[in-house]
Amino acid sequence: MAATDGDAGVPEEQRASAGQAPAAGETGAGELAAAEGGAVTAGGESPAAGSSGPATRASDRERDVVVQRVQDAFAEGRLDDAEFDERTRAALTARTHAELDVLLADLPATPSAPGPAPAVPGPGRYSIALKSSVRRAGRWRVPERYTTVVYKGGGWLDLRAAELSGPVTTFLAVAYKSQLTILVPPNVRVEMTGLGVSQDTQDEDPGYRLPADAPVIHIRGIAYKGTVEVATRPPERAALRR
């Protein structure tokens, strides 16, 4: 009578159902597939290596949200002029969520919703300088209509961190033998009419498309022996002499 070696003659499937391990030298179909082609999923298919999905495209609304957070950080003093300008323009030209996330990586998270705002007087509607200067910058409230008159002086209105009261803001700017500069953020649409009004030549082709509901700043300027200038970048500071 031929000798048997335990369960050597029992098929592997029966030993597996009985809770017994396969004999030495035998390899299951799953182990063979794993050795030849890698891990096997529950459905018997191998996952594609490095199958990461495509980057998610950013919308105009999502770009606006990032621009607003960058503007808030600039108003709080977390970013300087160059960083604000660089990040704002990068946000307006970003194509994916990953590009937007990089711009906010070192900024604090979005603050919680504020409570009801206390009743405060409305923003001032005009500023006048007679042989002196007008300067507004930082976080200041701008009404829907604002008038500035500068007589033999200088004017500087920085709107990059300002709070606009409405979707359309109209400026009446009068400069008599004076230079009046209005600095606007890159994410607004500027419309200019009047005499002696000029726009920075660097801003003729910004390289990005503003959304249809972007804020509008309409400037009606009148300059006599002076200028009313609109720009999105502050002038470069002169190097300090040593």
Protein backbone atom coordinates (compact mmCIF):
# COMPACT_ATOMS: atom_id res chain seq x y z
CA MET A 1 0.00 0.00 0.00
CA ALA A 2 1.35 3.43 -0.96
CA ALA A 3 2.12 5.69 1.96
CA THR A 4 0.44 9.09 2.23
CA ASP A 5 1.88 12.21 3.72
CA GLY A 6 -0.91 13.61 5.86
CA ASP A 7 -3.06 15.94 3.74
CA ALA A 8 -0.74 16.00 0.74
CA GLY A 9 -3.43 14.46 -1.42
CA VAL A 10 -6.17 16.85 -0.33
CA PRO A 11 -6.80 19.78 -2.70
CA GLU A 12 -5.78 23.22 -1.49
CA GLU A 13 -9.39 24.53 -1.59
CA GLN A 14 -10.57 21.87 0.86
CA ARG A 15 -7.68 22.55 3.24
CA ALA A 16 -8.41 26.30 3.10
CA SER A 17 -12.10 25.69 3.94
CA ALA A 18 -11.02 23.51 6.81
CA GLY A 19 -8.75 26.22 8.17
CA GLN A 20 -5.48 24.44 7.22
CA ALA A 21 -2.49 26.17 5.64
CA PRO A 22 -1.31 25.03 2.19
CA ALA A 23 1.52 22.61 2.04
CA ALA A 24 5.09 23.79 1.59
CA GLY A 25 6.00 24.54 -2.01
CA GLU A 26 2.43 25.37 -3.01
CA THR A 27 1.42 28.90 -3.90
CA GLY A 28 -2.16 30.22 -4.03
CA ALA A 29 -3.50 32.14 -7.00
CA GLY A 30 -3.69 35.36 -4.99
CA GLU A 31 -0.06 35.06 -3.83
CA LEU A 32 1.12 34.32 -7.35
CA ALA A 33 -0.68 37.37 -8.74
CA ALA A 34 0.74 39.56 -5.98
CA ALA A 35 4.26 38.31 -6.73
CA GLU A 36 3.90 38.94 -10.45
CA GLY A 37 1.90 42.19 -10.60
CA GLY A 38 1.77 43.70 -7.11
CA ALA A 39 -1.14 44.03 -4.67
CA VAL A 40 -4.57 42.77 -5.68
CA THR A 41 -7.82 44.49 -4.77
CA ALA A 42 -10.87 42.73 -3.43
CA GLY A 43 -12.29 42.55 -6.94
CA GLY A 44 -9.17 40.85 -8.30
CA GLU A 45 -7.87 43.98 -10.10
CA SER A 46 -4.58 45.72 -9.49
CA PRO A 47 -4.82 49.50 -8.80
CA ALA A 48 -3.06 51.74 -11.28
CA ALA A 49 0.25 52.99 -9.95
CA GLY A 50 0.29 56.72 -9.11
CA SER A 51 -3.33 57.21 -10.14
CA SER A 52 -3.89 60.64 -8.60
CA GLY A 53 -6.83 62.67 -9.88
CA PRO A 54 -6.39 65.91 -11.88
CA ALA A 55 -5.98 69.20 -10.03
CA THR A 56 -9.29 70.92 -9.27
CA ARG A 57 -9.86 74.12 -11.21
CA ALA A 58 -10.52 77.35 -9.29
CA SER A 59 -13.55 79.55 -9.96
CA ASP A 60 -13.76 83.35 -10.10
CA ARG A 61 -15.59 83.36 -6.77
CA GLU A 62 -12.85 81.30 -5.10
CA ARG A 63 -10.21 83.67 -6.46
CA ASP A 64 -12.13 86.62 -5.02
CA VAL A 65 -12.21 84.95 -1.60
CA VAL A 66 -8.42 84.54 -1.62
CA VAL A 67 -7.91 88.13 -2.78
CA GLN A 68 -10.09 89.32 0.11
CA ARG A 69 -8.05 87.33 2.64
CA VAL A 70 -4.81 88.71 1.19
CA GLN A 71 -6.31 92.21 1.41
CA ASP A 72 -7.23 91.65 5.07
CA ALA A 73 -3.71 90.42 5.83
CA PHE A 74 -2.27 93.52 4.18
CA ALA A 75 -4.55 95.79 6.21
CA GLU A 76 -3.42 94.03 9.40
CA GLY A 77 0.24 94.61 8.56
CA ARG A 78 1.07 90.94 7.86
CA LEU A 79 2.13 91.67 4.27
CA ASP A 80 4.11 94.57 2.85
CA ASP A 81 3.39 96.40 -0.40
CA ALA A 82 5.40 94.04 -2.60
CA GLU A 83 3.94 90.88 -1.04
CA PHE A 84 0.41 92.21 -1.30
CA ASP A 85 0.85 93.10 -4.94
CA GLU A 86 2.50 89.77 -5.79
CA ARG A 87 -0.07 87.60 -4.02
CA THR A 88 -3.07 89.53 -5.31
CA ARG A 89 -1.97 89.20 -8.91
CA ALA A 90 -1.08 85.53 -8.38
CA ALA A 91 -4.56 84.88 -6.95
CA LEU A 92 -6.25 86.54 -9.92
CA THR A 93 -4.28 84.36 -12.36
CA ALA A 94 -4.44 81.09 -10.37
CA ARG A 95 -5.93 78.13 -12.22
CA THR A 96 -6.17 75.47 -9.50
CA HIS A 97 -6.96 75.17 -5.80
CA ALA A 98 -3.36 74.18 -5.11
CA GLU A 99 -2.10 77.51 -6.48
CA LEU A 100 -4.54 79.39 -4.25
CA ASP A 101 -3.66 77.34 -1.16
CA VAL A 102 0.01 78.31 -1.47
CA LEU A 103 -0.88 82.00 -1.20
CA LEU A 104 -2.62 81.44 2.17
CA ALA A 105 -0.25 78.87 3.66
CA ASP A 106 1.43 81.32 6.09
CA LEU A 107 -1.67 83.39 6.88
CA PRO A 108 -4.10 82.75 9.76
CA ALA A 109 -7.26 80.80 9.13
CA THR A 110 -10.48 82.57 8.26
CA PRO A 111 -11.82 84.27 11.42
CA SER A 112 -15.17 83.27 12.83
CA ALA A 113 -18.23 85.20 11.76
CA PRO A 114 -18.30 88.56 13.54
CA GLY A 115 -21.20 89.63 15.67
CA PRO A 116 -23.53 92.49 14.78
CA ALA A 117 -21.60 95.64 13.98
CA PRO A 118 -22.17 98.56 16.35
CA ALA A 119 -23.90 101.65 15.00
CA VAL A 120 -21.22 104.07 13.78
CA PRO A 121 -21.40 107.28 11.75
CA GLY A 122 -21.19 106.93 8.00
CA PRO A 123 -17.88 107.51 6.21
CA GLY A 124 -16.81 111.03 5.29
CA ARG A 125 -17.75 112.11 1.79
CA TYR A 126 -15.04 114.65 0.98
CA SER A 127 -11.52 115.84 1.80
CA ILE A 128 -10.03 119.25 0.96
CA ALA A 129 -6.42 120.43 1.12
CA LEU A 130 -5.47 124.09 0.64
CA LYS A 131 -1.69 124.41 0.24
CA SER A 132 -1.37 121.18 2.21
CA SER A 133 -1.87 117.48 1.57
CA VAL A 134 -4.55 114.80 1.75
CA ARG A 135 -3.50 111.29 2.67
CA ARG A 136 -5.77 108.30 3.32
CA ALA A 137 -4.49 104.73 3.60
CA GLY A 138 -5.00 101.51 5.49
CA ARG A 139 -8.43 100.24 6.52
CA TRP A 140 -10.82 103.13 5.92
CA ARG A 141 -14.44 103.23 4.79
CA VAL A 142 -15.16 104.77 1.41
CA PRO A 143 -18.70 105.96 0.58
CA GLU A 144 -20.27 105.35 -2.80
CA ARG A 145 -19.48 108.97 -3.75
CA TYR A 146 -16.32 110.69 -2.56
CA THR A 147 -14.89 114.12 -3.42
CA THR A 148 -11.28 115.24 -3.07
CA VAL A 149 -10.04 118.77 -3.83
CA VAL A 150 -6.33 119.63 -3.60
CA TYR A 151 -5.16 123.23 -4.12
CA LYS A 152 -1.38 123.75 -4.47
CA GLY A 153 -0.62 120.65 -2.45
CA GLY A 154 -0.57 116.89 -2.77
CA GLY A 155 -3.01 114.02 -2.46
CA TRP A 156 -2.62 110.29 -1.83
CA LEU A 157 -5.66 108.00 -1.62
CA ASP A 158 -4.75 104.34 -1.05
CA LEU A 159 -7.74 102.06 -1.66
CA ARG A 160 -5.94 98.70 -1.54
CA ALA A 161 -7.14 97.94 1.99
CA ALA A 162 -10.18 100.23 2.02
CA GLU A 163 -13.76 99.08 2.60
CA LEU A 164 -15.92 100.07 -0.35
CA SER A 165 -19.52 100.80 0.60
CA GLY A 166 -21.05 99.60 -2.66
CA PRO A 167 -20.33 97.75 -5.90
CA VAL A 168 -19.73 101.07 -7.69
CA THR A 169 -17.67 103.86 -6.12
CA THR A 170 -17.44 107.28 -7.78
CA PHE A 171 -14.57 109.68 -7.09
CA LEU A 172 -14.61 113.35 -8.01
CA ALA A 173 -10.94 114.37 -7.94
CA VAL A 174 -9.88 117.99 -8.46
CA ALA A 175 -6.19 118.93 -8.56
CA TYR A 176 -5.17 122.59 -9.00
CA LYS A 177 -1.40 122.90 -9.47
CA SER A 178 -1.17 119.65 -7.55
CA GLN A 179 -0.61 115.94 -8.02
CA LEU A 180 -3.31 113.60 -6.77
CA THR A 181 -2.61 109.85 -6.80
CA ILE A 182 -5.32 107.23 -6.34
CA LEU A 183 -3.94 103.76 -5.64
CA VAL A 184 -6.47 101.01 -6.40
CA PRO A 185 -6.26 97.22 -5.84
CA PRO A 186 -5.78 95.03 -8.94
CA ASN A 187 -9.10 93.22 -8.45
CA VAL A 188 -11.31 96.22 -9.32
CA ARG A 189 -12.43 97.63 -12.64
CA VAL A 190 -11.40 101.28 -13.13
CA GLU A 191 -13.27 103.75 -15.34
CA MET A 192 -11.84 107.24 -15.85
CA THR A 193 -13.22 110.43 -17.35
CA GLY A 194 -12.25 114.09 -17.15
CA LEU A 195 -9.28 116.36 -17.87
CA GLY A 196 -5.69 115.66 -16.89
CA VAL A 197 -6.41 112.09 -15.76
CA SER A 198 -3.81 109.41 -16.45
CA GLN A 199 -3.30 105.75 -15.64
CA ASP A 200 -0.06 103.94 -14.91
CA THR A 201 1.21 102.40 -18.18
CA GLN A 202 2.15 99.20 -16.32
CA ASP A 203 -1.55 98.47 -15.83
CA GLU A 204 -2.65 98.64 -19.47
CA ASP A 205 -2.49 94.82 -19.86
CA PRO A 206 -2.71 93.17 -16.44
CA GLY A 207 -2.77 89.66 -17.92
CA TYR A 208 -5.91 88.41 -16.17
CA ARG A 209 -9.66 88.66 -16.64
CA LEU A 210 -11.80 90.28 -13.96
CA PRO A 211 -15.14 88.63 -13.11
CA ALA A 212 -18.30 90.29 -14.36
CA ASP A 213 -19.30 91.36 -10.81
CA ALA A 214 -15.94 92.88 -9.90
CA PRO A 215 -16.16 96.19 -7.96
CA VAL A 216 -16.10 99.30 -10.14
CA ILE A 217 -14.26 102.51 -9.29
CA HIS A 218 -15.31 105.41 -11.50
CA ILE A 219 -12.98 108.41 -11.35
CA ARG A 220 -14.04 111.81 -12.64
CA GLY A 221 -10.92 113.94 -12.58
CA ILE A 222 -10.20 117.59 -13.28
CA ALA A 223 -6.59 118.78 -13.20
CA TYR A 224 -5.30 122.29 -13.92
CA LYS A 225 -1.52 122.53 -14.16
CA GLY A 226 -1.45 119.26 -12.28
CA THR A 227 -2.35 115.58 -12.62
CA VAL A 228 -4.81 113.02 -11.31
CA GLU A 229 -3.05 109.67 -11.57
CA VAL A 230 -4.45 106.16 -11.04
CA ALA A 231 -2.15 103.22 -10.30
CA THR A 232 -2.26 99.75 -8.79
CA ARG A 233 1.34 99.76 -7.58
CA PRO A 234 3.02 102.29 -5.28
CA PRO A 235 6.08 104.04 -6.68
CA GLU A 236 9.37 102.37 -5.90
CA ARG A 237 11.19 103.85 -2.97
CA ALA A 238 14.51 105.46 -3.70
CA ALA A 239 17.54 103.60 -2.40
CA LEU A 240 19.02 105.02 0.79
CA ARG A 241 22.37 106.68 0.45
CA ARG A 242 25.23 105.38 2.55
